[in-house]
Amino acid sequence: MSNRKAVATENAPSVGATCMCLHLQRAARAVARKFDDAFRPLGLTSGQFSLMMSLYRVEARSIGSAASILAMDRTTLTANLKPLVRRRLLKVGVDPDDKRSRRLSLTPAGRALLESALPVWKRTHAEVDRLLGRSSPDRLRDDLRALSRGESP
């Protein structure tokens, strides 16, 4: 057995038990599944809901701005826009100040769908908060925001 294998095998249990990345990914997947299940009757995924909520504003948002808010690269965001554009829930328009840039905005159908989805989100969100049990949901959100910015809470 190589020395590398012995080190990995020996450390696997403690890494699996303490790895913040693993635990955050698992929790994120579990929460996303819960919201995906809740939004399924509306024909939305949790990611689509988040994307559309980021566009729920008066002014159209640039692709770069939306990607930044959602912590996505532009290519991933563009791929996620396509089904929503096909369903006519959002539109991609030319930026009037820079013809090379694109602006994203919700259509009236997109706004109506979000209005239907918001009560579903509220119920599911309250359920997730309850599942945190003895943890403080607000403290967790603050800590996660700080972590995503790379700073201490």
Protein backbone atom coordinates (compact mmCIF):
# COMPACT_ATOMS: atom_id res chain seq x y z
CA MET A 1 0.00 0.00 0.00
CA SER A 2 1.39 3.39 -0.94
CA ASN A 3 2.06 5.94 1.72
CA ARG A 4 -0.46 8.28 0.09
CA LYS A 5 -3.28 5.77 0.44
CA ALA A 6 -2.48 5.17 4.10
CA VAL A 7 -2.60 8.88 4.85
CA ALA A 8 -5.92 9.36 3.04
CA THR A 9 -7.53 6.31 4.65
CA GLU A 10 -6.32 7.29 8.07
CA ASN A 11 -7.61 10.85 7.82
CA ALA A 12 -10.88 10.24 5.96
CA PRO A 13 -13.09 9.89 9.06
CA SER A 14 -11.91 13.13 10.67
CA VAL A 15 -12.05 15.04 7.38
CA GLY A 16 -15.58 13.74 6.73
CA ALA A 17 -16.67 14.71 10.23
CA THR A 18 -15.18 18.21 10.22
CA CYS A 19 -15.05 19.37 6.59
CA MET A 20 -17.00 22.64 6.45
CA CYS A 21 -17.20 22.47 2.65
CA LEU A 22 -18.81 19.02 2.73
CA HIS A 23 -21.33 20.00 5.40
CA LEU A 24 -22.25 23.26 3.67
CA GLN A 25 -22.69 21.48 0.33
CA ARG A 26 -24.86 18.78 1.91
CA ALA A 27 -27.01 21.35 3.70
CA ALA A 28 -27.32 23.48 0.56
CA ARG A 29 -28.47 20.45 -1.46
CA ALA A 30 -31.01 19.45 1.21
CA VAL A 31 -32.45 22.97 1.41
CA ALA A 32 -32.53 23.29 -2.39
CA ARG A 33 -34.40 19.95 -2.64
CA LYS A 34 -36.95 21.16 -0.10
CA PHE A 35 -37.56 24.37 -2.08
CA ASP A 36 -37.51 22.51 -5.42
CA ASP A 37 -40.25 20.22 -4.10
CA ALA A 38 -42.29 23.19 -2.88
CA PHE A 39 -41.95 25.11 -6.18
CA ARG A 40 -42.51 22.09 -8.45
CA PRO A 41 -46.31 22.67 -8.77
CA LEU A 42 -45.48 26.16 -10.11
CA GLY A 43 -43.00 24.79 -12.63
CA LEU A 44 -40.04 26.47 -10.91
CA THR A 45 -36.83 25.32 -9.29
CA SER A 46 -35.26 27.00 -6.28
CA GLY A 47 -32.52 28.37 -8.52
CA GLN A 48 -35.03 29.86 -10.94
CA PHE A 49 -36.93 31.44 -8.06
CA SER A 50 -33.73 33.04 -6.74
CA LEU A 51 -32.74 34.24 -10.20
CA MET A 52 -36.16 35.75 -10.83
CA MET A 53 -36.26 37.39 -7.39
CA SER A 54 -32.92 39.04 -8.15
CA LEU A 55 -34.66 40.66 -11.14
CA TYR A 56 -37.79 41.75 -9.26
CA ARG A 57 -37.11 45.47 -9.50
CA VAL A 58 -38.10 48.50 -11.52
CA GLU A 59 -34.92 48.80 -13.57
CA ALA A 60 -33.53 45.99 -15.69
CA ARG A 61 -30.37 44.46 -14.24
CA SER A 62 -27.20 43.76 -16.19
CA ILE A 63 -26.12 40.16 -16.66
CA GLY A 64 -22.92 40.91 -14.74
CA SER A 65 -24.84 42.41 -11.84
CA ALA A 66 -27.24 39.44 -11.66
CA ALA A 67 -24.33 36.98 -11.84
CA SER A 68 -22.59 38.78 -8.98
CA ILE A 69 -25.68 38.80 -6.74
CA LEU A 70 -26.24 35.09 -7.36
CA ALA A 71 -22.52 34.22 -7.01
CA MET A 72 -22.57 32.64 -10.48
CA ASP A 73 -20.31 33.06 -13.44
CA ARG A 74 -21.90 34.73 -16.46
CA THR A 75 -21.84 31.54 -18.54
CA THR A 76 -23.79 29.59 -15.90
CA LEU A 77 -26.26 32.45 -15.50
CA THR A 78 -26.80 32.64 -19.26
CA ALA A 79 -27.56 28.90 -19.38
CA ASN A 80 -30.03 29.31 -16.49
CA LEU A 81 -31.79 32.19 -18.24
CA LYS A 82 -32.70 30.21 -21.35
CA PRO A 83 -35.64 28.17 -19.96
CA LEU A 84 -37.09 31.28 -18.32
CA VAL A 85 -36.80 33.26 -21.55
CA ARG A 86 -38.43 30.38 -23.48
CA ARG A 87 -41.31 30.43 -20.99
CA ARG A 88 -41.53 34.22 -21.46
CA LEU A 89 -40.99 34.81 -17.74
CA LEU A 90 -38.09 37.15 -18.36
CA LYS A 91 -36.60 39.01 -21.25
CA VAL A 92 -33.09 39.87 -22.27
CA GLY A 93 -32.85 43.31 -23.81
CA VAL A 94 -30.13 45.54 -25.19
CA ASP A 95 -28.65 48.01 -22.71
CA PRO A 96 -29.59 51.48 -24.04
CA ASP A 97 -26.25 52.90 -22.78
CA ASP A 98 -24.07 50.14 -24.22
CA LYS A 99 -25.43 48.21 -27.21
CA ARG A 100 -22.97 45.35 -26.53
CA SER A 101 -24.40 44.72 -23.05
CA ARG A 102 -27.65 43.00 -22.13
CA ARG A 103 -30.20 43.82 -19.45
CA LEU A 104 -32.51 41.33 -17.75
CA SER A 105 -36.04 42.04 -16.66
CA LEU A 106 -39.11 40.11 -15.64
CA THR A 107 -42.11 40.02 -17.93
CA PRO A 108 -45.62 40.52 -16.54
CA ALA A 109 -45.98 36.70 -16.57
CA GLY A 110 -42.73 36.40 -14.60
CA ARG A 111 -43.93 38.93 -12.02
CA ALA A 112 -47.25 37.09 -11.70
CA LEU A 113 -45.51 33.75 -11.21
CA LEU A 114 -43.26 35.23 -8.51
CA GLU A 115 -46.31 36.63 -6.73
CA SER A 116 -47.76 33.10 -6.71
CA ALA A 117 -44.44 31.63 -5.58
CA LEU A 118 -43.84 34.04 -2.69
CA PRO A 119 -46.33 32.43 -0.26
CA VAL A 120 -44.80 29.02 -1.10
CA TRP A 121 -41.34 30.45 -0.38
CA LYS A 122 -42.52 31.94 2.94
CA ARG A 123 -44.01 28.63 4.13
CA THR A 124 -40.97 26.62 3.06
CA HIS A 125 -38.59 29.19 4.51
CA ALA A 126 -40.37 29.05 7.88
CA GLU A 127 -40.12 25.26 7.79
CA VAL A 128 -36.36 25.42 7.12
CA ASP A 129 -35.93 27.91 9.97
CA ARG A 130 -37.80 25.51 12.30
CA LEU A 131 -35.55 22.64 11.21
CA LEU A 132 -32.54 24.56 12.50
CA GLY A 133 -33.80 23.77 15.99
CA ARG A 134 -31.52 25.21 18.60
CA SER A 135 -29.49 27.27 16.11
CA SER A 136 -30.34 30.89 15.39
CA PRO A 137 -31.45 31.22 11.74
CA ASP A 138 -30.57 34.93 11.74
CA ARG A 139 -27.11 34.27 13.16
CA LEU A 140 -26.54 31.52 10.59
CA ARG A 141 -27.56 33.86 7.74
CA ASP A 142 -25.23 36.57 9.07
CA ASP A 143 -22.37 34.08 9.35
CA LEU A 144 -22.98 32.72 5.85
CA ARG A 145 -23.08 36.23 4.37
CA ALA A 146 -19.80 37.06 6.11
CA LEU A 147 -18.29 33.78 4.92
CA SER A 148 -19.30 34.50 1.31
CA ARG A 149 -17.66 37.93 1.57
CA GLY A 150 -14.53 36.42 3.11
CA GLU A 151 -14.76 38.33 6.37
CA SER A 152 -15.45 37.71 10.05
CA PRO A 153 -19.03 38.26 11.26
